[in-house]
Amino acid sequence: MFSNYLIGLREGLEASLVVCILIAYLVKTDRRDALRPIWIGIGVAVALALGFGCALEFGSQELTFEAQEALGGSLSVIAVGLVTWMVFWMRRTARHLKSELHGKLDAALQMGTAALVATAFLAVGREGLETALFVWASVHAAGDGTPRPLVGAALGIATAVLLGWLFYRGALRINLARFFTWTGGMLVVVAAGVLAYGFHDLQEADWLPGLNNRAFDISDTIPPDSWYGTLLKGVFNFQPDPTVLQVTVWLLYLIPTLALFLAPVGFASGKGKVKAPDEQGSRPSKAPQA
């Protein structure tokens, strides 16, 4: 549940910041007439993400066991690739996100309503699709049959929406550079577990060999149905009897990725602090109305 909460919080906060930046800019420049197309684009993006998640869940149920495992493993690998790119991209560009969005919005304002809808849709839609895919892969890897992973993701998104609103109102200050570094590092650990389990799915689909070649088996020490076994499974996708391929993939991904991610990249500790989405200008006097 915690891993899915982290996914929802991280991805949701990125989307919330994007929405806050777009809306604050339009309000500050007295372009409230453009708010409706922005909200339409955001609504379409959210609907697409939900539809994508439903298609993954219900579409996969019609497949054979081998096909389900092949689909789950393949999408897990894709999800890990996307989330890895996302955490590195956000760490590198977080300081410039505001100016980048302002530039796109200025161009869209000159082009008309359709361009505004497309700008909001693309800005939020990417985060929504990444969230849907990674949450689905994480839930599939957990495989405990309970709604806890989805509840965790929903709580994370709700927290992100609340934080975004507080940012907009200027009621919250946070060092975003540090926040995205810590949550990004934890997501890399979660992604390593999802990737390892994705390879296990591919082994069960008979796409990869070595399904019965166990690296170790500590099921007696950490029973999968114990509370601590369930906790490790839910947070890290831990498996007490992984295959040699799973352990190898986990190590080959986690160690170099985490080392590269935590390496200094000039992210000054004091420069990432953000008061509100319109950090360089005056805060809007009241919340925008669509």
C-alpha atoms as a PDB file:
ATOM      1  CA  MET A   1       0.000   0.000   0.000  1.00  0.00           C
ATOM      2  CA  PHE A   2       2.841   2.399   0.856  1.00  0.00           C
ATOM      3  CA  SER A   3       4.527   1.933  -2.504  1.00  0.00           C
ATOM      4  CA  ASN A   4       1.301   2.787  -4.332  1.00  0.00           C
ATOM      5  CA  TYR A   5       0.733   5.752  -2.024  1.00  0.00           C
ATOM      6  CA  LEU A   6       4.207   6.956  -2.984  1.00  0.00           C
ATOM      7  CA  ILE A   7       3.444   6.512  -6.682  1.00  0.00           C
ATOM      8  CA  GLY A   8       0.167   8.415  -6.381  1.00  0.00           C
ATOM      9  CA  LEU A   9       1.785  11.174  -4.324  1.00  0.00           C
ATOM     10  CA  ARG A  10       4.785  11.617  -6.596  1.00  0.00           C
ATOM     11  CA  GLU A  11       2.953  11.535  -9.916  1.00  0.00           C
ATOM     12  CA  GLY A  12      -0.067  13.374  -8.546  1.00  0.00           C
ATOM     13  CA  LEU A  13       2.057  16.182  -7.155  1.00  0.00           C
ATOM     14  CA  GLU A  14       3.748  16.691 -10.507  1.00  0.00           C
ATOM     15  CA  ALA A  15       0.352  16.943 -12.192  1.00  0.00           C
ATOM     16  CA  SER A  16      -0.952  19.244  -9.425  1.00  0.00           C
ATOM     17  CA  LEU A  17       2.018  21.563  -9.803  1.00  0.00           C
ATOM     18  CA  VAL A  18       1.476  21.710 -13.553  1.00  0.00           C
ATOM     19  CA  VAL A  19      -2.199  22.602 -13.067  1.00  0.00           C
ATOM     20  CA  CYS A  20      -1.361  25.240 -10.437  1.00  0.00           C
ATOM     21  CA  ILE A  21       1.277  26.842 -12.638  1.00  0.00           C
ATOM     22  CA  LEU A  22      -1.075  27.022 -15.627  1.00  0.00           C
ATOM     23  CA  ILE A  23      -3.991  28.439 -13.661  1.00  0.00           C
ATOM     24  CA  ALA A  24      -1.913  30.907 -11.640  1.00  0.00           C
ATOM     25  CA  TYR A  25      -0.341  32.253 -14.823  1.00  0.00           C
ATOM     26  CA  LEU A  26      -3.699  32.779 -16.508  1.00  0.00           C
ATOM     27  CA  VAL A  27      -5.139  34.509 -13.435  1.00  0.00           C
ATOM     28  CA  LYS A  28      -2.098  36.730 -12.988  1.00  0.00           C
ATOM     29  CA  THR A  29      -2.156  37.775 -16.659  1.00  0.00           C
ATOM     30  CA  ASP A  30      -5.918  38.439 -16.483  1.00  0.00           C
ATOM     31  CA  ARG A  31      -6.794  35.665 -18.953  1.00  0.00           C
ATOM     32  CA  ARG A  32      -9.581  34.020 -16.991  1.00  0.00           C
ATOM     33  CA  ASP A  33     -11.398  33.440 -20.271  1.00  0.00           C
ATOM     34  CA  ALA A  34      -8.817  30.734 -21.012  1.00  0.00           C
ATOM     35  CA  LEU A  35      -9.511  28.786 -17.804  1.00  0.00           C
ATOM     36  CA  ARG A  36     -12.407  26.787 -19.257  1.00  0.00           C
ATOM     37  CA  PRO A  37     -10.328  25.213 -22.087  1.00  0.00           C
ATOM     38  CA  ILE A  38      -7.601  24.421 -19.544  1.00  0.00           C
ATOM     39  CA  TRP A  39     -10.059  22.582 -17.293  1.00  0.00           C
ATOM     40  CA  ILE A  40     -11.494  20.746 -20.309  1.00  0.00           C
ATOM     41  CA  GLY A  41      -8.005  19.540 -21.254  1.00  0.00           C
ATOM     42  CA  ILE A  42      -7.340  18.446 -17.672  1.00  0.00           C
ATOM     43  CA  GLY A  43     -10.667  16.609 -17.497  1.00  0.00           C
ATOM     44  CA  VAL A  44     -10.003  14.757 -20.756  1.00  0.00           C
ATOM     45  CA  ALA A  45      -6.527  13.785 -19.530  1.00  0.00           C
ATOM     46  CA  VAL A  46      -7.907  12.392 -16.259  1.00  0.00           C
ATOM     47  CA  ALA A  47     -10.638  10.483 -18.115  1.00  0.00           C
ATOM     48  CA  LEU A  48      -8.060   9.018 -20.506  1.00  0.00           C
ATOM     49  CA  ALA A  49      -5.856   7.861 -17.621  1.00  0.00           C
ATOM     50  CA  LEU A  50      -8.814   6.215 -15.861  1.00  0.00           C
ATOM     51  CA  GLY A  51      -9.938   4.581 -19.098  1.00  0.00           C
ATOM     52  CA  PHE A  52      -6.417   3.330 -19.755  1.00  0.00           C
ATOM     53  CA  GLY A  53      -6.231   1.794 -16.277  1.00  0.00           C
ATOM     54  CA  CYS A  54      -9.632   0.118 -16.696  1.00  0.00           C
ATOM     55  CA  ALA A  55      -8.635  -1.239 -20.105  1.00  0.00           C
ATOM     56  CA  LEU A  56      -5.477  -2.759 -18.627  1.00  0.00           C
ATOM     57  CA  GLU A  57      -7.360  -4.343 -15.727  1.00  0.00           C
ATOM     58  CA  PHE A  58     -10.454  -5.686 -17.456  1.00  0.00           C
ATOM     59  CA  GLY A  59      -8.819  -6.406 -20.814  1.00  0.00           C
ATOM     60  CA  SER A  60      -6.174  -8.627 -19.240  1.00  0.00           C
ATOM     61  CA  GLN A  61      -8.828 -10.764 -17.496  1.00  0.00           C
ATOM     62  CA  GLU A  62      -9.970 -12.163 -20.853  1.00  0.00           C
ATOM     63  CA  LEU A  63      -6.530 -13.581 -21.620  1.00  0.00           C
ATOM     64  CA  THR A  64      -5.081 -17.012 -20.879  1.00  0.00           C
ATOM     65  CA  PHE A  65      -2.759 -17.376 -17.893  1.00  0.00           C
ATOM     66  CA  GLU A  66       0.359 -17.344 -20.075  1.00  0.00           C
ATOM     67  CA  ALA A  67      -0.887 -14.318 -21.996  1.00  0.00           C
ATOM     68  CA  GLN A  68      -1.706 -12.498 -18.753  1.00  0.00           C
ATOM     69  CA  GLU A  69       1.782 -13.152 -17.407  1.00  0.00           C
ATOM     70  CA  ALA A  70       3.375 -12.078 -20.686  1.00  0.00           C
ATOM     71  CA  LEU A  71       1.312  -8.870 -20.742  1.00  0.00           C
ATOM     72  CA  GLY A  72       1.975  -8.150 -17.072  1.00  0.00           C
ATOM     73  CA  GLY A  73       5.701  -8.737 -17.418  1.00  0.00           C
ATOM     74  CA  SER A  74       6.019  -6.665 -20.572  1.00  0.00           C
ATOM     75  CA  LEU A  75       4.049  -3.743 -19.160  1.00  0.00           C
ATOM     76  CA  SER A  76       6.021  -3.916 -15.910  1.00  0.00           C
ATOM     77  CA  VAL A  77       9.256  -3.491 -17.849  1.00  0.00           C
ATOM     78  CA  ILE A  78       7.751  -0.584 -19.828  1.00  0.00           C
ATOM     79  CA  ALA A  79       6.400   1.012 -16.629  1.00  0.00           C
ATOM     80  CA  VAL A  80       9.807   0.821 -14.957  1.00  0.00           C
ATOM     81  CA  GLY A  81      11.410   2.404 -18.016  1.00  0.00           C
ATOM     82  CA  LEU A  82       8.887   5.255 -17.964  1.00  0.00           C
ATOM     83  CA  VAL A  83       9.123   5.916 -14.236  1.00  0.00           C
ATOM     84  CA  THR A  84      12.935   5.832 -14.386  1.00  0.00           C
ATOM     85  CA  TRP A  85      12.943   8.401 -17.174  1.00  0.00           C
ATOM     86  CA  MET A  86      10.409  10.462 -15.222  1.00  0.00           C
ATOM     87  CA  VAL A  87      12.384  10.681 -11.971  1.00  0.00           C
ATOM     88  CA  PHE A  88      15.583  11.650 -13.795  1.00  0.00           C
ATOM     89  CA  TRP A  89      13.738  14.182 -15.975  1.00  0.00           C
ATOM     90  CA  MET A  90      12.006  15.779 -12.998  1.00  0.00           C
ATOM     91  CA  ARG A  91      15.216  16.041 -11.022  1.00  0.00           C
ATOM     92  CA  ARG A  92      16.931  17.752 -13.922  1.00  0.00           C
ATOM     93  CA  THR A  93      14.158  20.141 -14.983  1.00  0.00           C
ATOM     94  CA  ALA A  94      12.158  20.886 -11.808  1.00  0.00           C
ATOM     95  CA  ARG A  95      13.681  24.358 -11.490  1.00  0.00           C
ATOM     96  CA  HIS A  96      12.752  25.253 -15.072  1.00  0.00           C
ATOM     97  CA  LEU A  97       9.281  23.687 -15.144  1.00  0.00           C
ATOM     98  CA  LYS A  98       7.477  26.960 -14.535  1.00  0.00           C
ATOM     99  CA  SER A  99       9.175  28.923 -17.332  1.00  0.00           C
ATOM    100  CA  GLU A 100       8.777  25.994 -19.728  1.00  0.00           C
ATOM    101  CA  LEU A 101       5.027  25.771 -19.087  1.00  0.00           C
ATOM    102  CA  HIS A 102       4.636  29.547 -19.369  1.00  0.00           C
ATOM    103  CA  GLY A 103       6.268  29.477 -22.787  1.00  0.00           C
ATOM    104  CA  LYS A 104       3.953  26.716 -24.003  1.00  0.00           C
ATOM    105  CA  LEU A 105       0.927  28.516 -22.599  1.00  0.00           C
ATOM    106  CA  ASP A 106       1.838  31.800 -24.280  1.00  0.00           C
ATOM    107  CA  ALA A 107       2.074  30.022 -27.615  1.00  0.00           C
ATOM    108  CA  ALA A 108      -1.246  28.239 -27.014  1.00  0.00           C
ATOM    109  CA  LEU A 109      -2.995  31.511 -26.113  1.00  0.00           C
ATOM    110  CA  GLN A 110      -2.050  32.909 -29.501  1.00  0.00           C
ATOM    111  CA  MET A 111      -3.314  29.806 -31.329  1.00  0.00           C
ATOM    112  CA  GLY A 112      -6.769  29.589 -29.746  1.00  0.00           C
ATOM    113  CA  THR A 113      -9.037  27.356 -27.684  1.00  0.00           C
ATOM    114  CA  ALA A 114      -8.003  24.012 -29.217  1.00  0.00           C
ATOM    115  CA  ALA A 115      -4.351  24.732 -28.490  1.00  0.00           C
ATOM    116  CA  LEU A 116      -5.174  25.532 -24.854  1.00  0.00           C
ATOM    117  CA  VAL A 117      -7.073  22.266 -24.461  1.00  0.00           C
ATOM    118  CA  ALA A 118      -4.176  20.377 -26.052  1.00  0.00           C
ATOM    119  CA  THR A 119      -1.594  22.099 -23.826  1.00  0.00           C
ATOM    120  CA  ALA A 120      -3.411  21.164 -20.617  1.00  0.00           C
ATOM    121  CA  PHE A 121      -4.174  17.678 -21.916  1.00  0.00           C
ATOM    122  CA  LEU A 122      -0.563  16.927 -22.831  1.00  0.00           C
ATOM    123  CA  ALA A 123       0.834  18.449 -19.643  1.00  0.00           C
ATOM    124  CA  VAL A 124      -1.420  16.383 -17.355  1.00  0.00           C
ATOM    125  CA  GLY A 125      -2.097  13.382 -19.592  1.00  0.00           C
ATOM    126  CA  ARG A 126       1.477  12.131 -19.547  1.00  0.00           C
ATOM    127  CA  GLU A 127       1.491  12.037 -15.763  1.00  0.00           C
ATOM    128  CA  GLY A 128      -1.903  10.310 -15.732  1.00  0.00           C
ATOM    129  CA  LEU A 129      -0.897   7.574 -18.174  1.00  0.00           C
ATOM    130  CA  GLU A 130       2.385   6.958 -16.332  1.00  0.00           C
ATOM    131  CA  THR A 131       0.502   6.723 -13.042  1.00  0.00           C
ATOM    132  CA  ALA A 132      -2.099   4.314 -14.430  1.00  0.00           C
ATOM    133  CA  LEU A 133       0.526   2.040 -15.965  1.00  0.00           C
ATOM    134  CA  PHE A 134       2.866   1.986 -12.977  1.00  0.00           C
ATOM    135  CA  VAL A 135       0.060   1.522 -10.438  1.00  0.00           C
ATOM    136  CA  TRP A 136      -1.366  -1.323 -12.517  1.00  0.00           C
ATOM    137  CA  ALA A 137       2.050  -2.969 -12.749  1.00  0.00           C
ATOM    138  CA  SER A 138       2.599  -2.542  -9.008  1.00  0.00           C
ATOM    139  CA  VAL A 139      -0.840  -3.941  -8.149  1.00  0.00           C
ATOM    140  CA  HIS A 140      -0.255  -6.841 -10.533  1.00  0.00           C
ATOM    141  CA  ALA A 141       3.100  -7.539  -8.873  1.00  0.00           C
ATOM    142  CA  ALA A 142       1.545  -7.417  -5.389  1.00  0.00           C
ATOM    143  CA  GLY A 143      -1.147  -9.875  -6.428  1.00  0.00           C
ATOM    144  CA  ASP A 144      -2.769 -10.094  -2.987  1.00  0.00           C
ATOM    145  CA  GLY A 145      -6.298  -9.665  -4.310  1.00  0.00           C
ATOM    146  CA  THR A 146      -7.142  -6.837  -1.891  1.00  0.00           C
ATOM    147  CA  PRO A 147      -8.064  -3.235  -2.719  1.00  0.00           C
ATOM    148  CA  ARG A 148      -5.252  -1.891  -0.520  1.00  0.00           C
ATOM    149  CA  PRO A 149      -2.888  -1.015  -3.413  1.00  0.00           C
ATOM    150  CA  LEU A 150      -5.623   1.013  -5.144  1.00  0.00           C
ATOM    151  CA  VAL A 151      -6.584   2.669  -1.856  1.00  0.00           C
ATOM    152  CA  GLY A 152      -2.936   3.610  -1.343  1.00  0.00           C
ATOM    153  CA  ALA A 153      -2.696   5.141  -4.818  1.00  0.00           C
ATOM    154  CA  ALA A 154      -5.961   7.044  -4.310  1.00  0.00           C
ATOM    155  CA  LEU A 155      -4.766   8.417  -0.968  1.00  0.00           C
ATOM    156  CA  GLY A 156      -1.482   9.488  -2.562  1.00  0.00           C
ATOM    157  CA  ILE A 157      -3.303  11.342  -5.343  1.00  0.00           C
ATOM    158  CA  ALA A 158      -5.647  12.977  -2.831  1.00  0.00           C
ATOM    159  CA  THR A 159      -2.667  14.139  -0.779  1.00  0.00           C
ATOM    160  CA  ALA A 160      -1.039  15.514  -3.925  1.00  0.00           C
ATOM    161  CA  VAL A 161      -4.180  17.469  -4.839  1.00  0.00           C
ATOM    162  CA  LEU A 162      -4.304  18.961  -1.338  1.00  0.00           C
ATOM    163  CA  LEU A 163      -0.610  19.920  -1.500  1.00  0.00           C
ATOM    164  CA  GLY A 164      -1.121  21.477  -4.929  1.00  0.00           C
ATOM    165  CA  TRP A 165      -3.989  23.586  -3.629  1.00  0.00           C
ATOM    166  CA  LEU A 166      -1.876  24.709  -0.654  1.00  0.00           C
ATOM    167  CA  PHE A 167       0.942  25.643  -3.036  1.00  0.00           C
ATOM    168  CA  TYR A 168      -1.460  27.729  -5.083  1.00  0.00           C
ATOM    169  CA  ARG A 169      -2.825  29.518  -2.041  1.00  0.00           C
ATOM    170  CA  GLY A 170       0.703  30.228  -0.842  1.00  0.00           C
ATOM    171  CA  ALA A 171       0.038  28.386   2.428  1.00  0.00           C
ATOM    172  CA  LEU A 172       2.816  25.839   2.032  1.00  0.00           C
ATOM    173  CA  ARG A 173       6.537  26.045   1.396  1.00  0.00           C
ATOM    174  CA  ILE A 174       8.627  23.037   0.528  1.00  0.00           C
ATOM    175  CA  ASN A 175      12.029  22.379  -1.002  1.00  0.00           C
ATOM    176  CA  LEU A 176      10.817  20.666  -4.167  1.00  0.00           C
ATOM    177  CA  ALA A 177      14.327  19.695  -5.240  1.00  0.00           C
ATOM    178  CA  ARG A 178      14.842  17.767  -2.022  1.00  0.00           C
ATOM    179  CA  PHE A 179      11.313  16.341  -2.090  1.00  0.00           C
ATOM    180  CA  PHE A 180      11.666  14.982  -5.616  1.00  0.00           C
ATOM    181  CA  THR A 181      15.130  13.629  -4.836  1.00  0.00           C
ATOM    182  CA  TRP A 182      13.937  11.635  -1.814  1.00  0.00           C
ATOM    183  CA  THR A 183      10.710  10.389  -3.391  1.00  0.00           C
ATOM    184  CA  GLY A 184      12.536   9.666  -6.633  1.00  0.00           C
ATOM    185  CA  GLY A 185      15.082   7.535  -4.790  1.00  0.00           C
ATOM    186  CA  MET A 186      12.308   5.585  -3.060  1.00  0.00           C
ATOM    187  CA  LEU A 187      10.522   5.119  -6.389  1.00  0.00           C
ATOM    188  CA  VAL A 188      13.705   3.646  -7.867  1.00  0.00           C
ATOM    189  CA  VAL A 189      13.658   1.037  -5.084  1.00  0.00           C
ATOM    190  CA  VAL A 190       9.972   0.307  -5.771  1.00  0.00           C
ATOM    191  CA  ALA A 191      10.671   0.130  -9.506  1.00  0.00           C
ATOM    192  CA  ALA A 192      13.442  -2.417  -8.926  1.00  0.00           C
ATOM    193  CA  GLY A 193      10.911  -4.722  -7.253  1.00  0.00           C
ATOM    194  CA  VAL A 194       8.374  -4.213 -10.041  1.00  0.00           C
ATOM    195  CA  LEU A 195      11.049  -4.945 -12.656  1.00  0.00           C
ATOM    196  CA  ALA A 196      12.153  -8.134 -10.896  1.00  0.00           C
ATOM    197  CA  TYR A 197       8.572  -9.340 -10.632  1.00  0.00           C
ATOM    198  CA  GLY A 198       8.001  -8.405 -14.266  1.00  0.00           C
ATOM    199  CA  PHE A 199      10.817 -10.731 -15.266  1.00  0.00           C
ATOM    200  CA  HIS A 200       9.249 -13.409 -13.061  1.00  0.00           C
ATOM    201  CA  ASP A 201       6.008 -12.971 -15.014  1.00  0.00           C
ATOM    202  CA  LEU A 202       7.908 -13.409 -18.259  1.00  0.00           C
ATOM    203  CA  GLN A 203       9.428 -16.586 -16.854  1.00  0.00           C
ATOM    204  CA  GLU A 204       5.960 -17.877 -15.953  1.00  0.00           C
ATOM    205  CA  ALA A 205       4.814 -17.030 -19.479  1.00  0.00           C
ATOM    206  CA  ASP A 206       7.703 -19.207 -20.698  1.00  0.00           C
ATOM    207  CA  TRP A 207       9.270 -16.261 -22.475  1.00  0.00           C
ATOM    208  CA  LEU A 208      12.389 -16.488 -20.322  1.00  0.00           C
ATOM    209  CA  PRO A 209      14.093 -19.565 -18.815  1.00  0.00           C
ATOM    210  CA  GLY A 210      15.034 -20.328 -15.216  1.00  0.00           C
ATOM    211  CA  LEU A 211      11.639 -20.355 -13.486  1.00  0.00           C
ATOM    212  CA  ASN A 212      12.678 -23.190 -11.169  1.00  0.00           C
ATOM    213  CA  ASN A 213      16.227 -21.931 -10.627  1.00  0.00           C
ATOM    214  CA  ARG A 214      15.840 -20.300  -7.204  1.00  0.00           C
ATOM    215  CA  ALA A 215      18.467 -17.915  -5.882  1.00  0.00           C
ATOM    216  CA  PHE A 216      17.354 -18.663  -2.303  1.00  0.00           C
ATOM    217  CA  ASP A 217      14.256 -19.606  -0.352  1.00  0.00           C
ATOM    218  CA  ILE A 218      13.602 -18.012   3.050  1.00  0.00           C
ATOM    219  CA  SER A 219       9.866 -18.684   3.114  1.00  0.00           C
ATOM    220  CA  ASP A 220      10.230 -20.365   6.509  1.00  0.00           C
ATOM    221  CA  THR A 221      11.921 -17.259   7.940  1.00  0.00           C
ATOM    222  CA  ILE A 222       9.682 -14.712   6.215  1.00  0.00           C
ATOM    223  CA  PRO A 223       6.367 -16.423   5.422  1.00  0.00           C
ATOM    224  CA  PRO A 224       4.579 -14.628   2.554  1.00  0.00           C
ATOM    225  CA  ASP A 225       1.306 -14.631   4.504  1.00  0.00           C
ATOM    226  CA  SER A 226       2.808 -13.127   7.689  1.00  0.00           C
ATOM    227  CA  TRP A 227       2.241  -9.458   8.499  1.00  0.00           C
ATOM    228  CA  TYR A 228       5.891  -8.601   7.898  1.00  0.00           C
ATOM    229  CA  GLY A 229       5.998 -10.676   4.735  1.00  0.00           C
ATOM    230  CA  THR A 230       2.910  -8.845   3.487  1.00  0.00           C
ATOM    231  CA  LEU A 231       4.476  -5.510   4.461  1.00  0.00           C
ATOM    232  CA  LEU A 232       7.706  -6.251   2.582  1.00  0.00           C
ATOM    233  CA  LYS A 233       5.693  -7.454  -0.388  1.00  0.00           C
ATOM    234  CA  GLY A 234       3.526  -4.353  -0.429  1.00  0.00           C
ATOM    235  CA  VAL A 235       6.357  -1.854  -0.034  1.00  0.00           C
ATOM    236  CA  PHE A 236       9.252  -3.444  -1.940  1.00  0.00           C
ATOM    237  CA  ASN A 237       7.561  -6.258  -3.934  1.00  0.00           C
ATOM    238  CA  PHE A 238       9.745  -8.594  -1.880  1.00  0.00           C
ATOM    239  CA  GLN A 239       9.588 -12.285  -2.708  1.00  0.00           C
ATOM    240  CA  PRO A 240      11.093 -14.840  -0.276  1.00  0.00           C
ATOM    241  CA  ASP A 241      11.929 -17.330  -3.035  1.00  0.00           C
ATOM    242  CA  PRO A 242      13.084 -15.334  -6.088  1.00  0.00           C
ATOM    243  CA  THR A 243      14.718 -16.862  -9.117  1.00  0.00           C
ATOM    244  CA  VAL A 244      18.349 -16.193  -9.988  1.00  0.00           C
ATOM    245  CA  LEU A 245      17.193 -14.030 -12.903  1.00  0.00           C
ATOM    246  CA  GLN A 246      15.010 -11.902 -10.610  1.00  0.00           C
ATOM    247  CA  VAL A 247      17.852 -11.225  -8.182  1.00  0.00           C
ATOM    248  CA  THR A 248      20.252 -10.478 -11.034  1.00  0.00           C
ATOM    249  CA  VAL A 249      17.851  -8.040 -12.695  1.00  0.00           C
ATOM    250  CA  TRP A 250      17.076  -6.372  -9.348  1.00  0.00           C
ATOM    251  CA  LEU A 251      20.761  -5.778  -8.586  1.00  0.00           C
ATOM    252  CA  LEU A 252      21.685  -4.694 -12.122  1.00  0.00           C
ATOM    253  CA  TYR A 253      18.892  -2.108 -12.112  1.00  0.00           C
ATOM    254  CA  LEU A 254      18.923  -0.848  -8.536  1.00  0.00           C
ATOM    255  CA  ILE A 255      22.625  -0.281  -7.861  1.00  0.00           C
ATOM    256  CA  PRO A 256      23.649   1.732 -10.952  1.00  0.00           C
ATOM    257  CA  THR A 257      20.301   3.566 -11.253  1.00  0.00           C
ATOM    258  CA  LEU A 258      20.269   4.658  -7.624  1.00  0.00           C
ATOM    259  CA  ALA A 259      23.940   5.648  -7.786  1.00  0.00           C
ATOM    260  CA  LEU A 260      23.358   7.803 -10.871  1.00  0.00           C
ATOM    261  CA  PHE A 261      20.200   9.322  -9.455  1.00  0.00           C
ATOM    262  CA  LEU A 262      21.795  10.316  -6.155  1.00  0.00           C
ATOM    263  CA  ALA A 263      24.987  11.613  -7.765  1.00  0.00           C
ATOM    264  CA  PRO A 264      25.396  15.421  -7.545  1.00  0.00           C
ATOM    265  CA  VAL A 265      23.981  17.172 -10.606  1.00  0.00           C
ATOM    266  CA  GLY A 266      24.168  20.777  -9.510  1.00  0.00           C
ATOM    267  CA  PHE A 267      20.777  20.730  -7.821  1.00  0.00           C
ATOM    268  CA  ALA A 268      21.601  23.414  -5.306  1.00  0.00           C
ATOM    269  CA  SER A 269      20.027  22.731  -1.960  1.00  0.00           C
ATOM    270  CA  GLY A 270      18.619  26.228  -1.574  1.00  0.00           C
ATOM    271  CA  LYS A 271      17.546  26.912  -5.134  1.00  0.00           C
ATOM    272  CA  GLY A 272      14.730  24.402  -5.304  1.00  0.00           C
ATOM    273  CA  LYS A 273      12.612  25.986  -2.594  1.00  0.00           C
ATOM    274  CA  VAL A 274       9.249  27.037  -3.905  1.00  0.00           C
ATOM    275  CA  LYS A 275       6.706  29.203  -2.144  1.00  0.00           C
ATOM    276  CA  ALA A 276       3.943  28.874  -4.687  1.00  0.00           C
ATOM    277  CA  PRO A 277       3.562  28.147  -8.401  1.00  0.00           C
ATOM    278  CA  ASP A 278       3.906  31.847  -9.252  1.00  0.00           C
ATOM    279  CA  GLU A 279       7.095  32.168  -7.194  1.00  0.00           C
ATOM    280  CA  GLN A 280       8.503  35.245  -8.959  1.00  0.00           C
ATOM    281  CA  GLY A 281       5.296  37.235  -9.080  1.00  0.00           C
ATOM    282  CA  SER A 282       2.562  38.270  -6.762  1.00  0.00           C
ATOM    283  CA  ARG A 283       0.232  35.615  -5.520  1.00  0.00           C
ATOM    284  CA  PRO A 284      -3.282  35.781  -6.995  1.00  0.00           C
ATOM    285  CA  SER A 285      -5.741  37.391  -4.648  1.00  0.00           C
ATOM    286  CA  LYS A 286      -8.306  34.650  -4.964  1.00  0.00           C
ATOM    287  CA  ALA A 287      -8.686  31.221  -6.430  1.00  0.00           C
ATOM    288  CA  PRO A 288      -9.534  31.018 -10.141  1.00  0.00           C
ATOM    289  CA  GLN A 289     -12.989  30.133 -11.196  1.00  0.00           C
ATOM    290  CA  ALA A 290     -13.627  28.098 -14.279  1.00  0.00           C
END
